[in-house]
N, C-alpha and C. Protein backbone atom coordinates (compact mmCIF):
# COMPACT_ATOMS: atom_id res chain seq x y z
N MET A 1 -122.37 77.96 -119.69
CA MET A 1 -122.39 75.55 -119.64
C MET A 1 -121.88 76.95 -117.95
N PRO A 2 -122.80 76.42 -117.43
CA PRO A 2 -123.05 76.62 -115.46
C PRO A 2 -122.19 75.36 -114.98
N GLN A 3 -122.01 74.49 -115.85
CA GLN A 3 -121.47 73.08 -115.34
C GLN A 3 -119.54 73.26 -115.66
N LEU A 4 -119.43 74.02 -116.93
CA LEU A 4 -118.21 74.25 -116.97
C LEU A 4 -117.74 75.12 -115.44
N ASP A 5 -118.34 76.28 -115.77
CA ASP A 5 -117.35 77.61 -114.94
C ASP A 5 -117.59 76.39 -113.32
N ASN A 6 -118.22 76.24 -113.18
CA ASN A 6 -117.89 75.10 -111.73
C ASN A 6 -116.89 74.18 -111.97
N ALA A 7 -116.75 74.08 -112.99
CA ALA A 7 -115.10 73.21 -113.60
C ALA A 7 -113.39 73.77 -113.03
N LYS A 8 -113.65 74.59 -114.02
CA LYS A 8 -112.91 75.68 -113.56
C LYS A 8 -112.60 75.70 -112.49
N GLU A 9 -113.66 76.20 -112.16
CA GLU A 9 -113.56 77.01 -110.64
C GLU A 9 -112.56 76.05 -109.65
N LEU A 10 -113.57 75.44 -109.90
CA LEU A 10 -112.86 74.11 -109.18
C LEU A 10 -111.41 73.46 -108.43
N LEU A 11 -110.80 73.73 -110.54
CA LEU A 11 -109.74 73.60 -110.77
C LEU A 11 -108.52 74.64 -110.73
N SER A 12 -109.33 76.12 -110.03
CA SER A 12 -108.23 76.65 -110.23
C SER A 12 -107.51 77.22 -109.06
N ARG A 13 -108.37 75.88 -107.51
CA ARG A 13 -108.23 75.42 -106.49
C ARG A 13 -106.87 74.88 -106.17
N SER A 14 -106.61 75.83 -104.90
CA SER A 14 -105.12 74.75 -103.87
C SER A 14 -106.07 73.17 -104.10
N VAL A 15 -105.09 72.49 -103.99
CA VAL A 15 -105.69 71.51 -103.63
C VAL A 15 -105.09 71.45 -101.92
N LYS A 16 -105.55 70.35 -101.15
CA LYS A 16 -105.60 70.28 -99.73
C LYS A 16 -106.45 68.67 -99.85
N VAL A 17 -105.07 67.43 -99.97
CA VAL A 17 -105.50 65.77 -100.10
C VAL A 17 -105.14 65.59 -97.62
N ILE A 18 -106.82 64.50 -96.73
CA ILE A 18 -105.88 64.30 -96.69
C ILE A 18 -106.18 61.80 -97.07
N ASN A 19 -104.75 61.28 -97.11
CA ASN A 19 -104.88 59.82 -97.29
C ASN A 19 -104.87 59.40 -96.05
N ILE A 20 -105.60 58.43 -96.51
CA ILE A 20 -105.07 57.57 -95.75
C ILE A 20 -105.10 56.24 -96.28
N GLY A 21 -103.76 54.92 -95.60
CA GLY A 21 -103.25 54.80 -96.53
C GLY A 21 -102.01 54.59 -97.15
N LEU A 22 -101.86 54.40 -98.28
CA LEU A 22 -100.05 54.39 -99.28
C LEU A 22 -99.44 55.63 -98.04
N LYS A 23 -97.72 55.51 -97.45
CA LYS A 23 -97.28 56.84 -97.43
C LYS A 23 -96.96 57.27 -98.30
N ILE A 24 -96.59 56.16 -98.96
CA ILE A 24 -96.14 56.45 -100.59
C ILE A 24 -96.64 57.70 -101.60
N PHE A 25 -98.29 57.51 -101.54
CA PHE A 25 -98.92 58.65 -101.52
C PHE A 25 -98.71 59.93 -101.31
N ALA A 26 -98.36 59.87 -100.06
CA ALA A 26 -98.66 61.29 -100.05
C ALA A 26 -97.07 62.27 -99.76
N GLU A 27 -95.83 60.65 -100.30
CA GLU A 27 -94.95 61.60 -100.51
C GLU A 27 -95.21 62.38 -101.78
N SER A 28 -95.38 61.76 -102.37
CA SER A 28 -95.03 61.80 -103.67
C SER A 28 -96.15 63.53 -104.02
N LEU A 29 -97.52 63.57 -103.23
CA LEU A 29 -97.78 64.65 -102.99
C LEU A 29 -97.46 65.62 -102.96
N LYS A 30 -96.80 65.46 -101.50
CA LYS A 30 -96.07 66.47 -101.08
C LYS A 30 -94.48 66.92 -101.77
N ASP A 31 -93.97 66.22 -103.02
CA ASP A 31 -93.11 66.26 -103.09
C ASP A 31 -93.46 66.97 -104.81
N GLN A 32 -94.71 67.31 -104.41
CA GLN A 32 -95.63 67.94 -106.02
C GLN A 32 -96.11 68.98 -104.83
N ASN A 33 -95.62 70.09 -103.15
CA ASN A 33 -96.10 71.10 -103.42
C ASN A 33 -97.48 70.82 -102.67
N VAL A 34 -98.01 69.87 -102.64
CA VAL A 34 -100.09 69.25 -101.82
C VAL A 34 -99.51 69.27 -100.71
N ASP A 35 -101.17 69.85 -100.25
CA ASP A 35 -101.02 70.14 -98.90
C ASP A 35 -101.62 68.59 -98.36
N VAL A 36 -100.52 68.33 -97.85
CA VAL A 36 -100.96 66.44 -97.35
C VAL A 36 -101.47 65.82 -95.58
N VAL A 37 -102.50 65.81 -95.26
CA VAL A 37 -101.99 64.91 -93.73
C VAL A 37 -102.57 63.50 -94.11
N GLN A 38 -101.06 62.51 -93.47
CA GLN A 38 -101.22 61.73 -94.11
C GLN A 38 -101.60 61.03 -92.53
N VAL A 39 -102.65 59.80 -92.63
CA VAL A 39 -103.55 59.37 -91.79
C VAL A 39 -103.33 57.61 -91.28
N ASP A 40 -102.64 57.46 -89.96
CA ASP A 40 -102.74 56.18 -90.20
C ASP A 40 -103.49 54.87 -89.82
N TRP A 41 -103.85 54.63 -90.38
CA TRP A 41 -105.09 54.00 -90.38
C TRP A 41 -104.38 52.72 -90.52
N THR A 42 -104.68 51.53 -89.92
CA THR A 42 -105.62 50.36 -90.30
C THR A 42 -107.00 49.02 -89.92
N PRO A 43 -107.68 48.24 -90.68
CA PRO A 43 -108.58 47.69 -90.19
C PRO A 43 -108.29 47.22 -89.14
N PRO A 44 -109.99 47.49 -88.30
CA PRO A 44 -109.48 46.79 -87.13
C PRO A 44 -109.34 45.09 -86.57
N ALA A 45 -108.36 44.95 -86.27
CA ALA A 45 -107.73 43.62 -85.46
C ALA A 45 -107.29 43.19 -87.13
N GLU A 46 -106.31 44.42 -87.61
CA GLU A 46 -105.97 43.35 -89.66
C GLU A 46 -106.93 42.55 -89.83
N GLY A 47 -108.14 42.29 -89.76
CA GLY A 47 -109.38 42.42 -90.95
C GLY A 47 -109.87 41.07 -90.02
N ASP A 48 -108.95 40.03 -89.05
CA ASP A 48 -109.39 39.19 -89.17
C ASP A 48 -110.56 38.74 -88.19
N GLN A 49 -111.42 38.69 -88.67
CA GLN A 49 -113.23 38.66 -88.28
C GLN A 49 -113.96 38.32 -87.17
N GLU A 50 -112.78 37.19 -86.41
CA GLU A 50 -113.13 36.61 -84.88
C GLU A 50 -112.44 38.59 -83.98
N MET A 51 -111.40 39.10 -84.17
CA MET A 51 -110.77 39.98 -83.97
C MET A 51 -112.49 41.07 -83.59
N ILE A 52 -112.29 40.77 -85.34
CA ILE A 52 -113.24 42.59 -84.55
C ILE A 52 -114.31 43.17 -84.40
N ASP A 53 -115.72 41.41 -84.49
CA ASP A 53 -116.80 41.24 -83.15
C ASP A 53 -116.68 40.97 -81.81
N LEU A 54 -114.54 40.55 -81.41
CA LEU A 54 -115.16 40.94 -80.57
C LEU A 54 -114.48 42.08 -79.71
N LEU A 55 -113.91 43.07 -80.58
CA LEU A 55 -113.86 44.16 -80.26
C LEU A 55 -114.94 44.69 -80.42
N ASP A 56 -116.31 44.51 -80.99
CA ASP A 56 -117.36 44.52 -81.41
C ASP A 56 -118.13 44.92 -79.83
N LYS A 57 -117.91 43.87 -79.24
CA LYS A 57 -118.91 43.66 -78.01
C LYS A 57 -117.62 44.83 -76.30
N LEU A 58 -116.72 45.17 -76.94
CA LEU A 58 -115.88 45.26 -77.09
C LEU A 58 -116.27 47.22 -76.11
N LEU A 59 -116.74 47.08 -77.14
CA LEU A 59 -117.21 48.94 -77.40
C LEU A 59 -118.64 49.24 -77.62
């Protein structure tokens, strides 16, 4: 069964995670010895549509 073999191969590899969002998620993974990169990101203008529109015009 080729699909099962592919799944086994994938699950046997080490996990590397890029976390965008809650830092506690990345911390939990680090506690489990998972390679994690935390990306500090927030929505542009914190979701304020008027500010987003103004930023879009500038960029």
